[in-house]
């Protein structure tokens, strides 16, 4: 599954850089819940062991993160250029 598939399933239409749409999110987003859909789109799927979150801010970047039961967060923040990204290793205001 890719981000585009998830957005299509939720009926969300937004203009994003192509490499954000094609980001592979495997099947970790079964039964996703749309938490915000304004200037920032926040999609969350709770699993048995952890929670997967995608946060899309067209002005800042797209984060795909995993939040563990101990509140530790890891993931990647994708920026405008397909070669630009940041690793996320601690909570940030972007996805809280």
PDB file of N, CA and C in Angstrom:
ATOM      1  N   UNK A   1       0.847  -1.177   0.000  1.00  0.00           N
ATOM      2  CA  UNK A   1       0.000   0.000   0.000  1.00  0.00           C
ATOM      3  C   UNK A   1       0.895   1.242   0.000  1.00  0.00           C
ATOM      4  N   UNK A   2       0.432   2.252  -0.714  1.00  0.00           N
ATOM      5  CA  UNK A   2       1.144   3.522  -0.780  1.00  0.00           C
ATOM      6  C   UNK A   2       0.278   4.625  -0.178  1.00  0.00           C
ATOM      7  N   UNK A   3       0.893   5.757   0.113  1.00  0.00           N
ATOM      8  CA  UNK A   3       0.165   6.889   0.685  1.00  0.00           C
ATOM      9  C   UNK A   3      -1.011   7.269  -0.211  1.00  0.00           C
ATOM     10  N   UNK A   4      -0.823   7.253  -1.535  1.00  0.00           N
ATOM     11  CA  UNK A   4      -1.918   7.593  -2.453  1.00  0.00           C
ATOM     12  C   UNK A   4      -3.119   6.676  -2.242  1.00  0.00           C
ATOM     13  N   UNK A   5      -2.874   5.373  -2.072  1.00  0.00           N
ATOM     14  CA  UNK A   5      -3.965   4.424  -1.849  1.00  0.00           C
ATOM     15  C   UNK A   5      -4.738   4.766  -0.579  1.00  0.00           C
ATOM     16  N   UNK A   6      -4.013   5.101   0.471  1.00  0.00           N
ATOM     17  CA  UNK A   6      -4.641   5.448   1.743  1.00  0.00           C
ATOM     18  C   UNK A   6      -5.484   6.719   1.613  1.00  0.00           C
ATOM     19  N   UNK A   7      -4.932   7.737   0.955  1.00  0.00           N
ATOM     20  CA  UNK A   7      -5.684   8.978   0.757  1.00  0.00           C
ATOM     21  C   UNK A   7      -6.928   8.731  -0.088  1.00  0.00           C
ATOM     22  N   UNK A   8      -6.802   7.915  -1.131  1.00  0.00           N
ATOM     23  CA  UNK A   8      -7.956   7.580  -1.972  1.00  0.00           C
ATOM     24  C   UNK A   8      -9.034   6.865  -1.163  1.00  0.00           C
ATOM     25  N   UNK A   9      -8.612   5.904  -0.325  1.00  0.00           N
ATOM     26  CA  UNK A   9      -9.570   5.157   0.508  1.00  0.00           C
ATOM     27  C   UNK A   9     -10.345   6.079   1.443  1.00  0.00           C
ATOM     28  N   UNK A  10      -9.685   7.139   1.908  1.00  0.00           N
ATOM     29  CA  UNK A  10     -10.328   8.080   2.832  1.00  0.00           C
ATOM     30  C   UNK A  10     -11.023   9.239   2.107  1.00  0.00           C
ATOM     31  N   UNK A  11     -10.927   9.252   0.781  1.00  0.00           N
ATOM     32  CA  UNK A  11     -11.573  10.306   0.009  1.00  0.00           C
ATOM     33  C   UNK A  11     -10.896  11.660   0.123  1.00  0.00           C
ATOM     34  N   UNK A  12      -9.607  11.660   0.394  1.00  0.00           N
ATOM     35  CA  UNK A  12      -8.859  12.905   0.563  1.00  0.00           C
ATOM     36  C   UNK A  12      -8.183  13.272  -0.745  1.00  0.00           C
ATOM     37  N   UNK A  13      -8.438  14.468  -1.210  1.00  0.00           N
ATOM     38  CA  UNK A  13      -7.807  14.985  -2.424  1.00  0.00           C
ATOM     39  C   UNK A  13      -6.931  16.164  -2.032  1.00  0.00           C
ATOM     40  N   UNK A  14      -5.642  16.039  -2.261  1.00  0.00           N
ATOM     41  CA  UNK A  14      -4.701  17.099  -1.918  1.00  0.00           C
ATOM     42  C   UNK A  14      -3.527  17.012  -2.893  1.00  0.00           C
ATOM     43  N   UNK A  15      -3.001  18.164  -3.266  1.00  0.00           N
ATOM     44  CA  UNK A  15      -1.857  18.191  -4.174  1.00  0.00           C
ATOM     45  C   UNK A  15      -0.571  18.059  -3.358  1.00  0.00           C
ATOM     46  N   UNK A  16       0.177  16.991  -3.663  1.00  0.00           N
ATOM     47  CA  UNK A  16       1.414  16.693  -2.946  1.00  0.00           C
ATOM     48  C   UNK A  16       2.526  16.393  -3.942  1.00  0.00           C
ATOM     49  N   UNK A  17       3.780  16.492  -3.510  1.00  0.00           N
ATOM     50  CA  UNK A  17       4.877  16.040  -4.366  1.00  0.00           C
ATOM     51  C   UNK A  17       4.689  14.547  -4.700  1.00  0.00           C
ATOM     52  N   UNK A  18       4.996  14.165  -5.919  1.00  0.00           N
ATOM     53  CA  UNK A  18       4.774  12.790  -6.371  1.00  0.00           C
ATOM     54  C   UNK A  18       5.425  11.749  -5.462  1.00  0.00           C
ATOM     55  N   UNK A  19       6.616  12.036  -4.959  1.00  0.00           N
ATOM     56  CA  UNK A  19       7.295  11.028  -4.133  1.00  0.00           C
ATOM     57  C   UNK A  19       6.604  10.815  -2.793  1.00  0.00           C
ATOM     58  N   UNK A  20       5.778  11.749  -2.348  1.00  0.00           N
ATOM     59  CA  UNK A  20       4.999  11.508  -1.131  1.00  0.00           C
ATOM     60  C   UNK A  20       3.901  10.494  -1.423  1.00  0.00           C
ATOM     61  N   UNK A  21       3.223  10.662  -2.560  1.00  0.00           N
ATOM     62  CA  UNK A  21       2.152   9.730  -2.937  1.00  0.00           C
ATOM     63  C   UNK A  21       2.663   8.301  -3.034  1.00  0.00           C
ATOM     64  N   UNK A  22       3.868   8.134  -3.563  1.00  0.00           N
ATOM     65  CA  UNK A  22       4.379   6.792  -3.827  1.00  0.00           C
ATOM     66  C   UNK A  22       5.115   6.176  -2.637  1.00  0.00           C
ATOM     67  N   UNK A  23       5.123   6.846  -1.495  1.00  0.00           N
ATOM     68  CA  UNK A  23       5.776   6.298  -0.301  1.00  0.00           C
ATOM     69  C   UNK A  23       5.070   5.013   0.133  1.00  0.00           C
ATOM     70  N   UNK A  24       5.830   3.944   0.273  1.00  0.00           N
ATOM     71  CA  UNK A  24       5.290   2.643   0.655  1.00  0.00           C
ATOM     72  C   UNK A  24       5.028   2.619   2.158  1.00  0.00           C
ATOM     73  N   UNK A  25       3.794   2.315   2.536  1.00  0.00           N
ATOM     74  CA  UNK A  25       3.446   2.224   3.955  1.00  0.00           C
ATOM     75  C   UNK A  25       3.005   0.808   4.317  1.00  0.00           C
ATOM     76  N   UNK A  26       3.342  -0.149   3.457  1.00  0.00           N
ATOM     77  CA  UNK A  26       2.950  -1.555   3.609  1.00  0.00           C
ATOM     78  C   UNK A  26       1.471  -1.640   3.971  1.00  0.00           C
ATOM     79  N   UNK A  27       1.103  -2.569   4.794  1.00  0.00           N
ATOM     80  CA  UNK A  27      -0.305  -2.716   5.174  1.00  0.00           C
ATOM     81  C   UNK A  27      -0.520  -2.313   6.623  1.00  0.00           C
ATOM     82  N   UNK A  28       0.301  -1.406   7.113  1.00  0.00           N
ATOM     83  CA  UNK A  28       0.238  -0.987   8.506  1.00  0.00           C
ATOM     84  C   UNK A  28      -0.949  -0.082   8.813  1.00  0.00           C
ATOM     85  N   UNK A  29      -1.668   0.357   7.793  1.00  0.00           N
ATOM     86  CA  UNK A  29      -2.758   1.302   8.016  1.00  0.00           C
ATOM     87  C   UNK A  29      -4.117   0.674   7.749  1.00  0.00           C
ATOM     88  N   UNK A  30      -4.349  -0.497   8.320  1.00  0.00           N
ATOM     89  CA  UNK A  30      -5.671  -1.099   8.247  1.00  0.00           C
ATOM     90  C   UNK A  30      -6.582  -0.357   9.220  1.00  0.00           C
ATOM     91  N   UNK A  31      -7.787  -0.115   8.829  1.00  0.00           N
ATOM     92  CA  UNK A  31      -8.762   0.620   9.624  1.00  0.00           C
ATOM     93  C   UNK A  31      -8.235   1.990  10.052  1.00  0.00           C
ATOM     94  N   UNK A  32      -7.799   2.799   9.102  1.00  0.00           N
ATOM     95  CA  UNK A  32      -7.259   4.122   9.456  1.00  0.00           C
ATOM     96  C   UNK A  32      -8.349   5.068   9.938  1.00  0.00           C
ATOM     97  N   UNK A  33      -7.936   5.990  10.771  1.00  0.00           N
ATOM     98  CA  UNK A  33      -8.850   7.004  11.305  1.00  0.00           C
ATOM     99  C   UNK A  33      -8.305   8.375  10.926  1.00  0.00           C
ATOM    100  N   UNK A  34      -9.130   9.171  10.263  1.00  0.00           N
ATOM    101  CA  UNK A  34      -8.744  10.526   9.898  1.00  0.00           C
ATOM    102  C   UNK A  34      -8.998  11.423  11.100  1.00  0.00           C
ATOM    103  N   UNK A  35      -7.933  11.973  11.678  1.00  0.00           N
ATOM    104  CA  UNK A  35      -8.063  12.790  12.880  1.00  0.00           C
ATOM    105  C   UNK A  35      -8.145  14.272  12.574  1.00  0.00           C
ATOM    106  N   UNK A  36      -7.466  14.714  11.520  1.00  0.00           N
ATOM    107  CA  UNK A  36      -7.505  16.119  11.120  1.00  0.00           C
ATOM    108  C   UNK A  36      -7.492  16.174   9.603  1.00  0.00           C
ATOM    109  N   UNK A  37      -8.224  17.093   9.041  1.00  0.00           N
ATOM    110  CA  UNK A  37      -8.214  17.263   7.593  1.00  0.00           C
ATOM    111  C   UNK A  37      -8.458  18.721   7.278  1.00  0.00           C
ATOM    112  N   UNK A  38      -7.532  19.555   7.662  1.00  0.00           N
ATOM    113  CA  UNK A  38      -7.628  20.977   7.374  1.00  0.00           C
ATOM    114  C   UNK A  38      -6.328  21.351   6.687  1.00  0.00           C
ATOM    115  N   UNK A  39      -5.560  22.207   7.256  1.00  0.00           N
ATOM    116  CA  UNK A  39      -4.260  22.511   6.676  1.00  0.00           C
ATOM    117  C   UNK A  39      -3.269  21.389   6.947  1.00  0.00           C
ATOM    118  N   UNK A  40      -3.519  20.635   7.988  1.00  0.00           N
ATOM    119  CA  UNK A  40      -2.683  19.481   8.313  1.00  0.00           C
ATOM    120  C   UNK A  40      -3.583  18.241   8.324  1.00  0.00           C
ATOM    121  N   UNK A  41      -3.165  17.227   7.591  1.00  0.00           N
ATOM    122  CA  UNK A  41      -3.902  15.966   7.541  1.00  0.00           C
ATOM    123  C   UNK A  41      -3.201  14.992   8.473  1.00  0.00           C
ATOM    124  N   UNK A  42      -3.951  14.410   9.394  1.00  0.00           N
ATOM    125  CA  UNK A  42      -3.378  13.439  10.339  1.00  0.00           C
ATOM    126  C   UNK A  42      -4.207  12.167  10.270  1.00  0.00           C
ATOM    127  N   UNK A  43      -3.552  11.073   9.921  1.00  0.00           N
ATOM    128  CA  UNK A  43      -4.194   9.777   9.798  1.00  0.00           C
ATOM    129  C   UNK A  43      -3.505   8.836  10.771  1.00  0.00           C
ATOM    130  N   UNK A  44      -4.310   8.088  11.503  1.00  0.00           N
ATOM    131  CA  UNK A  44      -3.759   7.205  12.529  1.00  0.00           C
ATOM    132  C   UNK A  44      -4.398   5.832  12.424  1.00  0.00           C
ATOM    133  N   UNK A  45      -3.605   4.801  12.660  1.00  0.00           N
ATOM    134  CA  UNK A  45      -4.115   3.430  12.721  1.00  0.00           C
ATOM    135  C   UNK A  45      -3.493   2.763  13.935  1.00  0.00           C
ATOM    136  N   UNK A  46      -4.342   2.323  14.840  1.00  0.00           N
ATOM    137  CA  UNK A  46      -3.849   1.683  16.056  1.00  0.00           C
ATOM    138  C   UNK A  46      -3.770   0.181  15.852  1.00  0.00           C
ATOM    139  N   UNK A  47      -2.598  -0.362  16.168  1.00  0.00           N
ATOM    140  CA  UNK A  47      -2.381  -1.798  16.086  1.00  0.00           C
ATOM    141  C   UNK A  47      -2.330  -2.405  17.467  1.00  0.00           C
ATOM    142  N   UNK A  48      -2.067  -3.707  17.508  1.00  0.00           N
ATOM    143  CA  UNK A  48      -1.996  -4.394  18.794  1.00  0.00           C
ATOM    144  C   UNK A  48      -0.813  -3.913  19.628  1.00  0.00           C
ATOM    145  N   UNK A  49       0.308  -3.643  18.973  1.00  0.00           N
ATOM    146  CA  UNK A  49       1.520  -3.294  19.711  1.00  0.00           C
ATOM    147  C   UNK A  49       1.899  -1.827  19.608  1.00  0.00           C
ATOM    148  N   UNK A  50       1.518  -1.156  18.504  1.00  0.00           N
ATOM    149  CA  UNK A  50       1.910   0.231  18.330  1.00  0.00           C
ATOM    150  C   UNK A  50       0.910   0.964  17.446  1.00  0.00           C
ATOM    151  N   UNK A  51       1.129   2.252  17.295  1.00  0.00           N
ATOM    152  CA  UNK A  51       0.248   3.097  16.505  1.00  0.00           C
ATOM    153  C   UNK A  51       1.039   3.688  15.349  1.00  0.00           C
ATOM    154  N   UNK A  52       0.477   3.605  14.156  1.00  0.00           N
ATOM    155  CA  UNK A  52       1.095   4.190  12.975  1.00  0.00           C
ATOM    156  C   UNK A  52       0.401   5.518  12.688  1.00  0.00           C
ATOM    157  N   UNK A  53       1.189   6.531  12.371  1.00  0.00           N
ATOM    158  CA  UNK A  53       0.635   7.863  12.137  1.00  0.00           C
ATOM    159  C   UNK A  53       1.271   8.458  10.879  1.00  0.00           C
ATOM    160  N   UNK A  54       0.436   9.065  10.046  1.00  0.00           N
ATOM    161  CA  UNK A  54       0.930   9.865   8.925  1.00  0.00           C
ATOM    162  C   UNK A  54       0.424  11.276   9.154  1.00  0.00           C
ATOM    163  N   UNK A  55       1.336  12.228   9.084  1.00  0.00           N
ATOM    164  CA  UNK A  55       0.972  13.638   9.191  1.00  0.00           C
ATOM    165  C   UNK A  55       1.444  14.320   7.921  1.00  0.00           C
ATOM    166  N   UNK A  56       0.515  14.974   7.225  1.00  0.00           N
ATOM    167  CA  UNK A  56       0.852  15.672   5.993  1.00  0.00           C
ATOM    168  C   UNK A  56       0.583  17.156   6.193  1.00  0.00           C
ATOM    169  N   UNK A  57       1.653  17.922   6.083  1.00  0.00           N
ATOM    170  CA  UNK A  57       1.564  19.381   6.107  1.00  0.00           C
ATOM    171  C   UNK A  57       2.210  19.841   4.805  1.00  0.00           C
ATOM    172  N   UNK A  58       1.396  20.268   3.834  1.00  0.00           N
ATOM    173  CA  UNK A  58       1.929  20.581   2.512  1.00  0.00           C
ATOM    174  C   UNK A  58       2.969  21.692   2.550  1.00  0.00           C
ATOM    175  N   UNK A  59       2.992  22.485   3.607  1.00  0.00           N
ATOM    176  CA  UNK A  59       3.975  23.564   3.725  1.00  0.00           C
ATOM    177  C   UNK A  59       5.239  23.141   4.457  1.00  0.00           C
ATOM    178  N   UNK A  60       5.221  21.970   5.088  1.00  0.00           N
ATOM    179  CA  UNK A  60       6.343  21.584   5.934  1.00  0.00           C
ATOM    180  C   UNK A  60       6.919  20.214   5.594  1.00  0.00           C
ATOM    181  N   UNK A  61       6.094  19.233   5.285  1.00  0.00           N
ATOM    182  CA  UNK A  61       6.580  17.897   4.985  1.00  0.00           C
ATOM    183  C   UNK A  61       5.561  16.840   5.370  1.00  0.00           C
ATOM    184  N   UNK A  62       5.891  15.599   5.084  1.00  0.00           N
ATOM    185  CA  UNK A  62       5.032  14.471   5.422  1.00  0.00           C
ATOM    186  C   UNK A  62       5.812  13.537   6.332  1.00  0.00           C
ATOM    187  N   UNK A  63       5.253  13.238   7.492  1.00  0.00           N
ATOM    188  CA  UNK A  63       5.882  12.328   8.442  1.00  0.00           C
ATOM    189  C   UNK A  63       5.129  11.010   8.469  1.00  0.00           C
ATOM    190  N   UNK A  64       5.870   9.916   8.449  1.00  0.00           N
ATOM    191  CA  UNK A  64       5.314   8.579   8.619  1.00  0.00           C
ATOM    192  C   UNK A  64       6.023   8.015   9.840  1.00  0.00           C
ATOM    193  N   UNK A  65       5.285   7.836  10.932  1.00  0.00           N
ATOM    194  CA  UNK A  65       5.915   7.446  12.193  1.00  0.00           C
ATOM    195  C   UNK A  65       5.192   6.283  12.865  1.00  0.00           C
ATOM    196  N   UNK A  66       5.928   5.652  13.761  1.00  0.00           N
ATOM    197  CA  UNK A  66       5.385   4.609  14.624  1.00  0.00           C
ATOM    198  C   UNK A  66       5.526   5.096  16.054  1.00  0.00           C
ATOM    199  N   UNK A  67       4.422   5.051  16.804  1.00  0.00           N
ATOM    200  CA  UNK A  67       4.451   5.404  18.225  1.00  0.00           C
ATOM    201  C   UNK A  67       4.247   4.117  19.022  1.00  0.00           C
ATOM    202  N   UNK A  68       5.198   3.841  19.909  1.00  0.00           N
ATOM    203  CA  UNK A  68       5.179   2.620  20.701  1.00  0.00           C
ATOM    204  C   UNK A  68       4.453   2.857  22.025  1.00  0.00           C
ATOM    205  N   UNK A  69       4.077   1.782  22.731  1.00  0.00           N
ATOM    206  CA  UNK A  69       3.357   1.936  24.002  1.00  0.00           C
ATOM    207  C   UNK A  69       4.089   2.801  25.029  1.00  0.00           C
ATOM    208  N   UNK A  70       5.416   2.822  24.986  1.00  0.00           N
ATOM    209  CA  UNK A  70       6.175   3.649  25.938  1.00  0.00           C
ATOM    210  C   UNK A  70       6.292   5.100  25.463  1.00  0.00           C
ATOM    211  N   UNK A  71       5.521   5.472  24.408  1.00  0.00           N
ATOM    212  CA  UNK A  71       5.473   6.818  23.818  1.00  0.00           C
ATOM    213  C   UNK A  71       6.703   7.156  22.974  1.00  0.00           C
ATOM    214  N   UNK A  72       7.629   6.219  22.800  1.00  0.00           N
ATOM    215  CA  UNK A  72       8.766   6.444  21.907  1.00  0.00           C
ATOM    216  C   UNK A  72       8.238   6.525  20.479  1.00  0.00           C
ATOM    217  N   UNK A  73       8.782   7.456  19.697  1.00  0.00           N
ATOM    218  CA  UNK A  73       8.334   7.669  18.324  1.00  0.00           C
ATOM    219  C   UNK A  73       9.536   7.590  17.393  1.00  0.00           C
ATOM    220  N   UNK A  74       9.391   6.793  16.332  1.00  0.00           N
ATOM    221  CA  UNK A  74      10.424   6.752  15.302  1.00  0.00           C
ATOM    222  C   UNK A  74       9.752   6.829  13.939  1.00  0.00           C
ATOM    223  N   UNK A  75      10.469   7.349  12.964  1.00  0.00           N
ATOM    224  CA  UNK A  75       9.915   7.431  11.627  1.00  0.00           C
ATOM    225  C   UNK A  75      10.757   8.306  10.722  1.00  0.00           C
ATOM    226  N   UNK A  76      10.132   8.755   9.649  1.00  0.00           N
ATOM    227  CA  UNK A  76      10.808   9.563   8.647  1.00  0.00           C
ATOM    228  C   UNK A  76       9.921  10.739   8.274  1.00  0.00           C
ATOM    229  N   UNK A  77      10.537  11.896   8.107  1.00  0.00           N
ATOM    230  CA  UNK A  77       9.837  13.076   7.617  1.00  0.00           C
ATOM    231  C   UNK A  77      10.355  13.359   6.209  1.00  0.00           C
ATOM    232  N   UNK A  78       9.444  13.319   5.232  1.00  0.00           N
ATOM    233  CA  UNK A  78       9.784  13.556   3.838  1.00  0.00           C
ATOM    234  C   UNK A  78       9.569  15.030   3.520  1.00  0.00           C
ATOM    235  N   UNK A  79      10.522  15.622   2.801  1.00  0.00           N
ATOM    236  CA  UNK A  79      10.458  17.030   2.449  1.00  0.00           C
ATOM    237  C   UNK A  79      10.138  17.166   0.958  1.00  0.00           C
ATOM    238  N   UNK A  80      10.124  18.387   0.429  1.00  0.00           N
ATOM    239  CA  UNK A  80       9.729  18.623  -0.958  1.00  0.00           C
ATOM    240  C   UNK A  80      10.563  17.858  -1.974  1.00  0.00           C
ATOM    241  N   UNK A  81      11.870  17.870  -1.825  1.00  0.00           N
ATOM    242  CA  UNK A  81      12.751  17.189  -2.753  1.00  0.00           C
ATOM    243  C   UNK A  81      12.806  15.712  -2.379  1.00  0.00           C
ATOM    244  N   UNK A  82      12.707  14.829  -3.358  1.00  0.00           N
ATOM    245  CA  UNK A  82      12.647  13.398  -3.036  1.00  0.00           C
ATOM    246  C   UNK A  82      13.888  12.870  -2.333  1.00  0.00           C
ATOM    247  N   UNK A  83      15.009  13.584  -2.439  1.00  0.00           N
ATOM    248  CA  UNK A  83      16.227  13.156  -1.760  1.00  0.00           C
ATOM    249  C   UNK A  83      16.393  13.783  -0.386  1.00  0.00           C
ATOM    250  N   UNK A  84      15.448  14.629   0.009  1.00  0.00           N
ATOM    251  CA  UNK A  84      15.512  15.294   1.306  1.00  0.00           C
ATOM    252  C   UNK A  84      14.554  14.640   2.290  1.00  0.00           C
ATOM    253  N   UNK A  85      15.082  14.159   3.387  1.00  0.00           N
ATOM    254  CA  UNK A  85      14.249  13.587   4.444  1.00  0.00           C
ATOM    255  C   UNK A  85      15.004  13.691   5.749  1.00  0.00           C
ATOM    256  N   UNK A  86      14.275  13.550   6.845  1.00  0.00           N
ATOM    257  CA  UNK A  86      14.865  13.591   8.179  1.00  0.00           C
ATOM    258  C   UNK A  86      14.368  12.380   8.949  1.00  0.00           C
ATOM    259  N   UNK A  87      15.246  11.799   9.741  1.00  0.00           N
ATOM    260  CA  UNK A  87      14.815  10.722  10.619  1.00  0.00           C
ATOM    261  C   UNK A  87      14.221  11.330  11.875  1.00  0.00           C
ATOM    262  N   UNK A  88      13.138  10.741  12.338  1.00  0.00           N
ATOM    263  CA  UNK A  88      12.468  11.212  13.544  1.00  0.00           C
ATOM    264  C   UNK A  88      12.746  10.200  14.645  1.00  0.00           C
ATOM    265  N   UNK A  89      13.289  10.685  15.738  1.00  0.00           N
ATOM    266  CA  UNK A  89      13.610   9.776  16.826  1.00  0.00           C
ATOM    267  C   UNK A  89      13.045  10.217  18.155  1.00  0.00           C
ATOM    268  N   UNK A  90      12.319  11.327  18.163  1.00  0.00           N
ATOM    269  CA  UNK A  90      11.703  11.788  19.395  1.00  0.00           C
ATOM    270  C   UNK A  90      10.432  12.560  19.042  1.00  0.00           C
ATOM    271  N   UNK A  91       9.513  12.712  19.996  1.00  0.00           N
ATOM    272  CA  UNK A  91       8.263  13.412  19.700  1.00  0.00           C
ATOM    273  C   UNK A  91       8.499  14.830  19.179  1.00  0.00           C
ATOM    274  N   UNK A  92       7.637  15.259  18.313  1.00  0.00           N
ATOM    275  CA  UNK A  92       7.709  16.588  17.726  1.00  0.00           C
ATOM    276  C   UNK A  92       6.308  17.177  17.702  1.00  0.00           C
ATOM    277  N   UNK A  93       6.219  18.468  17.683  1.00  0.00           N
ATOM    278  CA  UNK A  93       4.912  19.109  17.633  1.00  0.00           C
ATOM    279  C   UNK A  93       4.166  18.759  16.355  1.00  0.00           C
ATOM    280  N   UNK A  94       4.885  18.364  15.303  1.00  0.00           N
ATOM    281  CA  UNK A  94       4.235  18.073  14.030  1.00  0.00           C
ATOM    282  C   UNK A  94       3.206  16.959  14.158  1.00  0.00           C
ATOM    283  N   UNK A  95       3.482  15.941  14.947  1.00  0.00           N
ATOM    284  CA  UNK A  95       2.524  14.840  14.999  1.00  0.00           C
ATOM    285  C   UNK A  95       1.894  14.681  16.374  1.00  0.00           C
ATOM    286  N   UNK A  96       1.818  15.754  17.140  1.00  0.00           N
ATOM    287  CA  UNK A  96       1.074  15.718  18.405  1.00  0.00           C
ATOM    288  C   UNK A  96       0.178  16.914  18.494  1.00  0.00           C
TER     289      UNK A  96
END
